[in-house]
């Protein structure tokens, strides 16, 4: 297949491409869902195909096929060039790519136990065992559990001389207990962070040992009092912060958004290039590091779909906005000499676009545990997990919920609450952060379903943090 892909490159150049790449990819995905005491769904599918991306007459052209043969590769290469030449008739400015050194490498992600070789009875048995334990609690009337795994194999060859291969596996698991009475229903979810790893990441003992806690908290959530509108301190755990960071930091620092290239899809950003090095994004203790080399990170795939190697760089340093995620095309628009390697596609049939990376909030340098942080908080709310959210197209005004909420009174957790949402403006919210737990309590969580583009593409990336506190945030506005 490698030789056929290289011949397709030659064909694209022969018919007029100034640049070309061929990406061949195979995707295997398995999802297993259990509802109560039955297996509700098993999905196991595989896709295999290739895409050819070219620049001709200064314009992009892209075409793809799921018929992976030597003749089809040549045909699609010619089609991609024809599309580029047609697009060039309406071109405002020619495409220009920042340089990237040619490399010949293979990246293999961590996988000690191939999830596709694990007997299905082991997977379904685990899910049913989880659900039975949840339903054993008198208040729990519904139980849902799931396992997901995939394997993605890529071959990328470019007309600049790169020949790159990767083989990565991802696993994920979660479950939800729902307590129901005559007038209400409330849930509690347990979702360990997903990983780029094999089935060894599925920790059976951990999943089972948390069922009693999750069921009891779902029942407590059902009977908890409503949150009243107020302004109070928030203590947010890493699983919750992952989504807040994703929406208020990850998307605004995608350079294509900041340049207005997604404007018609509610995709803009307040963090425009003129603010680089000037915008105070948050408090002095806020540093956000992007790192696509993190072991087990969902975006740790060796290289992006332009062949740019995984890297580490700053997005926010000591509260100041200093960096973006870029592609080779948009990097040059702000004078960067190299792309950050943030250009990925969700399929061989999709053209690569700028995507968020693995990134994390640097933990605090002073020893501090979540218990210490709560003890130091006189009045506030502690939030775990993810819930509903909304954020405007500039990524400024937002509202977030969560999965579980506790009132903090005089440094102690004083019972669960429900219907908690908080509202803020991005720089004001991050500017209100006054404490972060140390590295002992750092958790690398992740997002598997980030949507972007038209047609929509779905990508994944990891976001890490330790529990942090935010002073005097407006809470309860949605139900006021």
Protein backbone atom coordinates (compact mmCIF):
# COMPACT_ATOMS: atom_id res chain seq x y z
CA UNK A 1 0.00 0.00 0.00
CA UNK A 2 2.87 2.38 0.74
CA UNK A 3 4.21 2.07 -2.81
CA UNK A 4 0.76 2.68 -4.28
CA UNK A 5 0.37 5.79 -2.13
CA UNK A 6 3.76 7.11 -3.28
CA UNK A 7 2.77 6.56 -6.91
CA UNK A 8 -0.42 8.55 -6.26
CA UNK A 9 1.74 11.42 -4.99
CA UNK A 10 3.77 11.34 -8.18
CA UNK A 11 0.57 11.36 -10.23
CA UNK A 12 -0.79 14.39 -8.35
CA UNK A 13 2.43 16.29 -8.98
CA UNK A 14 2.47 15.19 -12.63
CA UNK A 15 -0.97 16.70 -13.27
CA UNK A 16 -0.23 20.00 -11.56
CA UNK A 17 -0.02 19.77 -7.75
CA UNK A 18 2.66 21.86 -6.05
CA UNK A 19 2.04 19.90 -2.86
CA UNK A 20 0.27 16.61 -2.16
CA UNK A 21 -0.32 14.16 0.67
CA UNK A 22 -2.02 10.79 0.79
CA UNK A 23 -3.54 9.53 4.02
CA UNK A 24 -4.62 5.88 4.25
CA UNK A 25 -6.49 4.93 7.42
CA UNK A 26 -8.26 1.98 8.99
CA UNK A 27 -10.70 2.47 11.88
CA UNK A 28 -12.04 -0.30 14.10
CA UNK A 29 -14.61 0.68 16.73
CA UNK A 30 -16.46 -1.33 19.37
CA UNK A 31 -19.19 0.00 21.67
CA UNK A 32 -21.11 -2.08 24.21
CA UNK A 33 -24.07 -0.65 26.17
CA UNK A 34 -26.03 -2.22 29.01
CA UNK A 35 -29.39 -0.99 30.29
CA UNK A 36 -30.52 -2.40 33.61
CA UNK A 37 -30.00 -6.17 33.41
CA UNK A 38 -29.75 -6.53 29.64
CA UNK A 39 -27.23 -5.74 26.94
CA UNK A 40 -28.95 -3.02 24.94
CA UNK A 41 -26.48 -2.61 22.08
CA UNK A 42 -23.26 -3.96 20.65
CA UNK A 43 -21.70 -2.09 17.74
CA UNK A 44 -18.56 -3.36 16.03
CA UNK A 45 -17.56 -1.74 12.75
CA UNK A 46 -14.50 -1.18 10.59
CA UNK A 47 -13.81 1.43 7.93
CA UNK A 48 -10.89 1.56 5.54
CA UNK A 49 -10.08 4.14 2.91
CA UNK A 50 -7.85 7.00 1.86
CA UNK A 51 -7.88 10.70 1.14
CA UNK A 52 -5.68 12.78 -1.18
CA UNK A 53 -5.09 16.44 -0.35
CA UNK A 54 -3.30 18.73 -2.79
CA UNK A 55 -2.44 22.33 -3.54
CA UNK A 56 -2.68 23.28 -7.21
CA UNK A 57 -2.73 26.79 -8.64
CA UNK A 58 -2.58 28.02 -5.05
CA UNK A 59 -5.82 26.33 -3.92
CA UNK A 60 -6.70 23.26 -1.87
CA UNK A 61 -8.21 20.19 -3.45
CA UNK A 62 -9.35 17.06 -1.64
CA UNK A 63 -10.93 13.77 -2.65
CA UNK A 64 -11.31 10.38 -0.99
CA UNK A 65 -12.45 6.81 -1.59
CA UNK A 66 -13.09 3.59 0.31
CA UNK A 67 -11.91 1.49 -2.65
CA UNK A 68 -8.25 1.07 -1.77
CA UNK A 69 -6.59 -0.07 -5.00
CA UNK A 70 -3.63 1.18 -7.03
CA UNK A 71 -5.85 2.40 -9.87
CA UNK A 72 -8.27 4.16 -7.51
CA UNK A 73 -5.43 5.96 -5.76
CA UNK A 74 -4.27 7.35 -9.09
CA UNK A 75 -7.81 8.35 -10.08
CA UNK A 76 -8.49 10.13 -6.79
CA UNK A 77 -5.14 11.95 -7.01
CA UNK A 78 -6.17 13.36 -10.40
CA UNK A 79 -9.61 14.25 -9.04
CA UNK A 80 -8.13 16.15 -6.09
CA UNK A 81 -5.96 18.21 -8.46
CA UNK A 82 -8.95 18.95 -10.69
CA UNK A 83 -10.92 20.17 -7.67
CA UNK A 84 -8.03 22.41 -6.61
CA UNK A 85 -7.75 23.96 -10.07
CA UNK A 86 -11.49 24.62 -10.13
CA UNK A 87 -11.32 26.18 -6.67
CA UNK A 88 -8.44 28.41 -7.79
CA UNK A 89 -10.76 30.30 -10.13
CA UNK A 90 -12.37 31.90 -7.06
CA UNK A 91 -9.19 32.18 -4.98
CA UNK A 92 -8.60 35.39 -3.00
CA UNK A 93 -5.06 34.51 -1.91
CA UNK A 94 -2.92 31.43 -2.53
CA UNK A 95 -2.42 28.79 0.15
CA UNK A 96 1.01 28.87 1.77
CA UNK A 97 2.37 26.26 4.19
CA UNK A 98 5.04 26.86 6.81
CA UNK A 99 7.94 24.39 6.45
CA UNK A 100 8.12 20.99 8.10
CA UNK A 101 11.11 18.66 7.92
CA UNK A 102 10.48 15.39 6.08
CA UNK A 103 10.60 12.33 8.35
CA UNK A 104 10.19 8.56 8.09
CA UNK A 105 8.79 7.29 11.41
CA UNK A 106 6.29 4.94 12.98
CA UNK A 107 4.39 5.73 16.17
CA UNK A 108 2.78 2.94 18.20
CA UNK A 109 0.56 3.99 21.10
CA UNK A 110 0.44 2.09 24.40
CA UNK A 111 -1.60 -1.12 24.29
CA UNK A 112 -0.75 -4.04 26.55
CA UNK A 113 -4.04 -5.86 26.01
CA UNK A 114 -5.82 -5.63 22.66
CA UNK A 115 -9.46 -4.81 23.48
CA UNK A 116 -10.68 -6.52 20.31
CA UNK A 117 -9.17 -9.80 21.50
CA UNK A 118 -10.91 -9.67 24.89
CA UNK A 119 -13.82 -12.10 24.96
CA UNK A 120 -17.17 -10.37 24.59
CA UNK A 121 -18.50 -12.24 27.62
CA UNK A 122 -15.90 -10.50 29.78
CA UNK A 123 -17.08 -7.09 28.59
CA UNK A 124 -20.80 -7.77 28.84
CA UNK A 125 -20.34 -9.55 32.18
CA UNK A 126 -18.63 -6.48 33.64
CA UNK A 127 -21.38 -4.12 32.48
CA UNK A 128 -24.16 -6.35 33.79
CA UNK A 129 -22.36 -6.75 37.12
CA UNK A 130 -22.09 -2.96 37.43
CA UNK A 131 -25.79 -2.51 36.69
CA UNK A 132 -26.88 -5.22 39.14
CA UNK A 133 -24.89 -3.55 41.90
CA UNK A 134 -26.43 -0.15 41.12
CA UNK A 135 -29.98 -1.57 41.00
CA UNK A 136 -29.49 -3.30 44.35
CA UNK A 137 -29.88 0.15 45.92
CA UNK A 138 -33.59 0.67 46.67
CA UNK A 139 -33.74 4.18 45.19
CA UNK A 140 -32.07 3.29 41.88
CA UNK A 141 -34.61 2.51 39.18
CA UNK A 142 -32.42 2.77 36.07
CA UNK A 143 -28.81 1.79 35.45
CA UNK A 144 -26.77 2.33 32.31
CA UNK A 145 -23.17 1.29 31.66
CA UNK A 146 -20.92 1.32 28.62
CA UNK A 147 -17.55 0.30 27.21
CA UNK A 148 -15.94 1.83 24.15
CA UNK A 149 -12.69 1.05 22.35
CA UNK A 150 -11.17 1.85 18.99
CA UNK A 151 -8.02 1.29 17.01
CA UNK A 152 -6.80 3.72 14.35
CA UNK A 153 -4.01 2.83 11.92
CA UNK A 154 -2.68 5.60 9.67
CA UNK A 155 -0.24 5.89 6.79
CA UNK A 156 0.66 9.41 5.68
CA UNK A 157 2.98 10.15 2.75
CA UNK A 158 3.74 13.63 1.45
CA UNK A 159 5.31 15.07 -1.67
CA UNK A 160 7.90 16.67 0.65
CA UNK A 161 9.28 13.23 1.51
CA UNK A 162 7.56 12.26 4.77
CA UNK A 163 6.48 8.65 5.23
CA UNK A 164 4.72 8.27 8.58
CA UNK A 165 2.72 5.48 10.21
CA UNK A 166 0.81 5.25 13.45
CA UNK A 167 -1.16 2.63 15.36
CA UNK A 168 -3.16 3.84 18.38
CA UNK A 169 -5.82 2.31 20.62
CA UNK A 170 -8.33 4.14 22.86
CA UNK A 171 -10.48 2.74 25.66
CA UNK A 172 -13.25 4.30 27.74
CA UNK A 173 -15.87 3.21 30.26
CA UNK A 174 -18.63 4.83 32.33
CA UNK A 175 -21.90 4.17 34.10
CA UNK A 176 -24.89 6.11 35.43
CA UNK A 177 -27.34 5.39 38.26
CA UNK A 178 -30.73 7.13 38.20
CA UNK A 179 -32.85 7.55 41.31
CA UNK A 180 -36.57 8.15 40.75
CA UNK A 181 -39.47 9.12 43.00
CA UNK A 182 -43.03 10.22 42.26
CA UNK A 183 -42.04 13.69 41.08
CA UNK A 184 -38.39 13.73 40.04
CA UNK A 185 -35.42 11.78 38.68
CA UNK A 186 -31.73 12.48 39.38
CA UNK A 187 -28.61 10.72 38.18
CA UNK A 188 -25.00 10.27 39.19
CA UNK A 189 -22.32 9.20 36.71
CA UNK A 190 -18.93 7.60 37.22
CA UNK A 191 -16.61 8.17 34.26
CA UNK A 192 -12.91 7.40 34.74
CA UNK A 193 -10.75 9.42 32.31
CA UNK A 194 -10.49 7.84 28.84
CA UNK A 195 -7.02 6.96 27.62
CA UNK A 196 -4.99 6.18 24.57
CA UNK A 197 -4.34 2.67 25.89
CA UNK A 198 -5.46 -0.94 25.61
CA UNK A 199 -7.98 -2.90 27.65
CA UNK A 200 -5.58 -2.79 30.59
CA UNK A 201 -7.02 0.68 31.18
CA UNK A 202 -10.40 -0.86 32.10
CA UNK A 203 -9.96 -1.15 35.88
CA UNK A 204 -12.59 -3.68 36.92
CA UNK A 205 -11.95 -3.37 40.65
CA UNK A 206 -12.23 0.42 40.52
CA UNK A 207 -15.42 0.35 38.45
CA UNK A 208 -17.14 -2.12 40.76
CA UNK A 209 -15.94 -0.57 44.00
CA UNK A 210 -17.50 2.79 43.14
CA UNK A 211 -21.02 1.47 42.46
CA UNK A 212 -22.26 1.82 46.06
CA UNK A 213 -21.00 5.40 46.30
CA UNK A 214 -22.52 6.36 42.94
CA UNK A 215 -25.90 4.81 43.80
CA UNK A 216 -26.00 6.48 47.21
CA UNK A 217 -25.11 9.88 45.73
CA UNK A 218 -27.80 9.53 43.05
CA UNK A 219 -30.34 8.95 45.82
CA UNK A 220 -29.02 11.91 47.83
CA UNK A 221 -29.13 14.04 44.69
CA UNK A 222 -32.81 13.18 44.27
CA UNK A 223 -33.67 14.52 47.73
CA UNK A 224 -31.24 17.45 47.71
CA UNK A 225 -32.53 21.04 47.98
CA UNK A 226 -32.47 23.34 44.97
CA UNK A 227 -29.61 25.78 44.60
CA UNK A 228 -30.67 29.35 45.31
CA UNK A 229 -29.21 32.21 43.23
CA UNK A 230 -26.13 33.65 44.90
CA UNK A 231 -22.57 34.79 44.43
CA UNK A 232 -20.21 32.33 46.07
CA UNK A 233 -16.87 30.54 45.84
CA UNK A 234 -16.59 27.43 43.66
CA UNK A 235 -14.28 24.46 44.19
CA UNK A 236 -14.11 22.50 40.94
CA UNK A 237 -12.68 19.01 40.54
CA UNK A 238 -10.55 17.93 37.54
CA UNK A 239 -13.34 16.00 35.80
CA UNK A 240 -15.50 19.10 35.83
CA UNK A 241 -12.70 21.47 34.86
CA UNK A 242 -11.89 19.39 31.77
CA UNK A 243 -15.07 20.58 30.03
CA UNK A 244 -14.87 24.16 31.32
CA UNK A 245 -11.28 24.36 30.05
CA UNK A 246 -12.24 22.73 26.75
CA UNK A 247 -14.88 25.33 25.97
CA UNK A 248 -13.36 28.50 27.45
CA UNK A 249 -9.67 27.86 26.65
CA UNK A 250 -9.36 25.12 24.02
CA UNK A 251 -11.70 26.50 21.39
CA UNK A 252 -10.71 30.18 21.74
CA UNK A 253 -7.05 29.25 21.17
CA UNK A 254 -7.66 27.45 17.86
CA UNK A 255 -6.08 29.86 15.39
CA UNK A 256 -8.51 29.26 12.54
CA UNK A 257 -11.31 30.45 14.84
CA UNK A 258 -9.33 33.50 15.89
CA UNK A 259 -8.76 34.37 12.22
CA UNK A 260 -12.51 34.19 11.50
CA UNK A 261 -12.39 31.04 9.37
CA UNK A 262 -15.30 29.38 11.25
CA UNK A 263 -17.43 32.47 11.69
CA UNK A 264 -20.50 31.09 9.90
CA UNK A 265 -20.57 28.09 12.26
CA UNK A 266 -20.68 30.11 15.52
CA UNK A 267 -16.92 29.64 15.59
CA UNK A 268 -15.18 32.83 16.61
CA UNK A 269 -12.82 33.83 19.41
CA UNK A 270 -12.20 36.82 21.62
CA UNK A 271 -8.51 35.76 21.78
CA UNK A 272 -7.47 37.36 18.48
CA UNK A 273 -3.83 37.55 17.32
CA UNK A 274 -3.47 41.23 18.27
CA UNK A 275 -3.89 40.12 21.91
CA UNK A 276 -0.98 37.64 21.91
CA UNK A 277 1.33 38.48 24.79
CA UNK A 278 -1.05 41.21 25.99
CA UNK A 279 -4.37 39.67 27.04
CA UNK A 280 -4.70 38.86 30.72
CA UNK A 281 -6.61 35.58 30.39
CA UNK A 282 -6.62 34.71 34.10
CA UNK A 283 -4.88 34.99 37.44
CA UNK A 284 -1.09 34.95 37.77
CA UNK A 285 -1.21 31.30 38.90
CA UNK A 286 -2.87 30.22 35.64
CA UNK A 287 -0.56 28.50 33.16
CA UNK A 288 -1.99 26.31 30.38
CA UNK A 289 0.43 23.98 28.60
CA UNK A 290 -0.44 22.16 25.38
CA UNK A 291 1.32 18.81 25.11
CA UNK A 292 0.62 16.19 22.46
CA UNK A 293 3.38 14.00 23.86
CA UNK A 294 1.57 13.24 27.16
CA UNK A 295 1.60 9.47 27.80
CA UNK A 296 -1.91 8.14 27.26
CA UNK A 297 -3.24 11.50 26.04
CA UNK A 298 -6.12 11.23 23.59
CA UNK A 299 -4.28 13.49 21.11
CA UNK A 300 -0.92 11.76 21.67
CA UNK A 301 -0.82 10.12 18.26
CA UNK A 302 2.77 10.85 17.25
CA UNK A 303 2.04 13.34 14.47
CA UNK A 304 -0.93 15.24 13.13
CA UNK A 305 -2.57 14.67 9.75
CA UNK A 306 -0.16 17.09 8.09
CA UNK A 307 2.83 15.11 9.33
CA UNK A 308 3.87 17.62 11.99
CA UNK A 309 5.44 15.91 14.99
CA UNK A 310 3.81 16.04 18.44
CA UNK A 311 5.06 18.98 20.52
CA UNK A 312 4.70 20.85 23.80
CA UNK A 313 4.11 24.62 24.03
CA UNK A 314 2.40 27.29 26.15
CA UNK A 315 -1.09 28.61 25.51
CA UNK A 316 -1.26 30.76 28.65
CA UNK A 317 1.74 31.64 30.81
CA UNK A 318 1.28 33.21 34.27
CA UNK A 319 -2.19 34.32 33.25
CA UNK A 320 -1.14 35.89 29.92
CA UNK A 321 -2.34 34.55 26.58
CA UNK A 322 0.73 33.50 24.55
CA UNK A 323 -0.11 30.74 22.06
CA UNK A 324 -2.45 28.92 19.69
CA UNK A 325 -3.06 25.54 18.19
CA UNK A 326 -2.32 25.81 14.46
CA UNK A 327 -2.09 24.09 11.12
CA UNK A 328 0.70 24.61 8.59
CA UNK A 329 -1.57 26.94 6.65
CA UNK A 330 -2.70 29.29 9.42
CA UNK A 331 0.60 29.32 11.36
CA UNK A 332 2.15 31.63 8.77
CA UNK A 333 -0.68 34.15 9.19
CA UNK A 334 0.77 35.19 12.55
CA UNK A 335 4.42 34.78 11.61
CA UNK A 336 5.09 31.37 13.16
CA UNK A 337 7.97 29.45 11.62
CA UNK A 338 6.38 26.08 12.33
CA UNK A 339 2.93 24.62 12.99
CA UNK A 340 2.15 23.31 16.46
CA UNK A 341 0.87 20.09 14.88
CA UNK A 342 -2.80 20.72 15.64
CA UNK A 343 -4.38 19.72 12.33
CA UNK A 344 -6.40 16.49 12.40
CA UNK A 345 -9.23 14.76 10.57
CA UNK A 346 -11.76 12.33 12.00
CA UNK A 347 -11.77 10.13 8.89
CA UNK A 348 -9.86 9.37 5.72
CA UNK A 349 -12.85 11.03 4.02
CA UNK A 350 -12.45 14.31 5.96
CA UNK A 351 -10.01 17.10 5.23
CA UNK A 352 -7.78 17.91 8.25
CA UNK A 353 -8.74 21.02 10.23
CA UNK A 354 -7.31 22.80 13.28
CA UNK A 355 -8.26 20.90 16.44
CA UNK A 356 -7.66 21.34 20.13
CA UNK A 357 -4.71 19.50 21.64
CA UNK A 358 -3.99 17.77 24.89
CA UNK A 359 -3.53 20.62 27.34
CA UNK A 360 -3.50 21.07 31.08
CA UNK A 361 -3.70 23.59 33.87
CA UNK A 362 -0.34 23.50 35.63
CA UNK A 363 -0.84 22.29 39.22
CA UNK A 364 -0.01 24.45 42.21
CA UNK A 365 3.52 24.54 43.60
CA UNK A 366 2.51 24.69 47.27
CA UNK A 367 1.31 21.45 48.92
CA UNK A 368 -2.50 21.57 48.90
CA UNK A 369 -5.09 18.77 48.85
CA UNK A 370 -8.76 19.06 47.83
CA UNK A 371 -9.65 18.50 51.50
CA UNK A 372 -7.36 21.37 52.50
CA UNK A 373 -8.93 23.58 49.86
CA UNK A 374 -12.46 22.85 51.05
CA UNK A 375 -11.40 23.38 54.65
CA UNK A 376 -10.08 26.82 53.63
CA UNK A 377 -13.39 27.79 52.00
CA UNK A 378 -15.92 29.37 54.39
CA UNK A 379 -18.87 29.45 52.00
CA UNK A 380 -19.11 27.88 48.56
CA UNK A 381 -20.09 24.98 46.33
CA UNK A 382 -18.01 21.94 45.41
CA UNK A 383 -18.72 20.52 41.91
CA UNK A 384 -17.75 17.17 40.38
CA UNK A 385 -18.25 15.90 36.85
CA UNK A 386 -19.91 17.35 33.78
CA UNK A 387 -23.39 18.52 32.97
CA UNK A 388 -25.07 20.93 30.61
CA UNK A 389 -23.25 24.00 29.29
CA UNK A 390 -23.63 26.89 26.90
CA UNK A 391 -21.16 29.47 25.62
CA UNK A 392 -21.39 32.27 23.08
CA UNK A 393 -19.65 32.21 19.72
CA UNK A 394 -16.86 34.50 20.95
CA UNK A 395 -16.18 32.05 23.83
CA UNK A 396 -16.72 34.80 26.40
CA UNK A 397 -20.09 34.45 28.13
CA UNK A 398 -20.77 30.98 29.46
CA UNK A 399 -22.86 28.82 31.77
CA UNK A 400 -21.86 25.41 33.16
CA UNK A 401 -23.60 22.79 35.22
CA UNK A 402 -22.09 19.59 36.57
CA UNK A 403 -22.84 16.06 37.69
CA UNK A 404 -22.82 16.43 41.49
CA UNK A 405 -22.85 19.42 43.84
CA UNK A 406 -22.18 19.92 47.55
CA UNK A 407 -22.67 23.01 49.69
CA UNK A 408 -19.54 24.12 51.56
CA UNK A 409 -20.22 25.71 54.96
CA UNK A 410 -17.42 26.73 57.29
CA UNK A 411 -14.87 24.53 55.54
CA UNK A 412 -16.98 21.36 55.43
CA UNK A 413 -19.23 19.65 52.90
CA UNK A 414 -22.78 20.25 54.14
CA UNK A 415 -24.93 18.03 51.91
CA UNK A 416 -25.71 17.78 48.21
CA UNK A 417 -27.59 20.35 46.14
CA UNK A 418 -29.33 20.15 42.76
CA UNK A 419 -29.97 22.44 39.80
CA UNK A 420 -26.62 24.19 40.18
CA UNK A 421 -25.31 26.28 37.28
CA UNK A 422 -22.74 29.04 37.30
CA UNK A 423 -22.36 31.96 34.90
CA UNK A 424 -19.26 34.01 34.09
CA UNK A 425 -17.17 35.76 31.45
CA UNK A 426 -14.03 33.84 30.52
CA UNK A 427 -11.22 36.22 31.62
CA UNK A 428 -13.15 37.21 34.76
CA UNK A 429 -13.74 33.56 35.69
CA UNK A 430 -10.10 32.52 35.24
CA UNK A 431 -9.01 35.74 36.93
CA UNK A 432 -11.00 34.66 39.99
CA UNK A 433 -8.92 31.49 40.45
CA UNK A 434 -6.96 31.85 43.68
CA UNK A 435 -5.87 28.28 44.57
CA UNK A 436 -4.86 25.07 42.76
CA UNK A 437 -4.06 21.76 44.40
CA UNK A 438 -0.58 20.37 43.88
CA UNK A 439 0.63 17.73 41.41
CA UNK A 440 -0.32 14.82 43.68
CA UNK A 441 -3.95 15.54 42.81
CA UNK A 442 -3.48 16.19 39.09
CA UNK A 443 -5.85 14.18 36.86
CA UNK A 444 -5.61 13.91 33.07
CA UNK A 445 -9.22 13.72 31.92
CA UNK A 446 -10.44 13.91 28.35
CA UNK A 447 -13.07 14.71 25.73
CA UNK A 448 -13.99 12.08 23.13
CA UNK A 449 -16.69 13.95 21.23
CA UNK A 450 -15.48 17.45 20.35
CA UNK A 451 -17.48 18.63 17.35
CA UNK A 452 -16.22 21.15 14.83
CA UNK A 453 -16.43 21.93 11.12
CA UNK A 454 -18.97 21.67 8.32
CA UNK A 455 -19.53 18.82 7.65
CA UNK A 456 -19.13 18.12 11.36
CA UNK A 457 -16.00 16.26 12.47
CA UNK A 458 -15.61 14.65 15.90
CA UNK A 459 -12.21 14.60 17.62
CA UNK A 460 -10.75 13.70 21.00
CA UNK A 461 -8.17 15.28 23.29
CA UNK A 462 -7.10 15.16 26.95
CA UNK A 463 -7.34 18.03 29.45
CA UNK A 464 -5.66 17.85 32.85
CA UNK A 465 -6.03 19.76 36.09
CA UNK A 466 -5.99 19.50 39.85
CA UNK A 467 -8.92 20.73 41.94
CA UNK A 468 -9.05 24.55 41.92
CA UNK A 469 -10.99 27.35 43.62
CA UNK A 470 -12.68 30.34 42.00
CA UNK A 471 -13.78 33.25 44.17
CA UNK A 472 -17.19 34.96 44.05
CA UNK A 473 -18.81 33.43 40.96
CA UNK A 474 -22.47 34.02 40.09
CA UNK A 475 -24.50 30.84 40.65
CA UNK A 476 -28.12 29.92 39.95
CA UNK A 477 -28.93 32.49 37.29
CA UNK A 478 -30.58 29.87 35.07
CA UNK A 479 -33.27 29.17 37.67
CA UNK A 480 -33.58 32.68 39.10
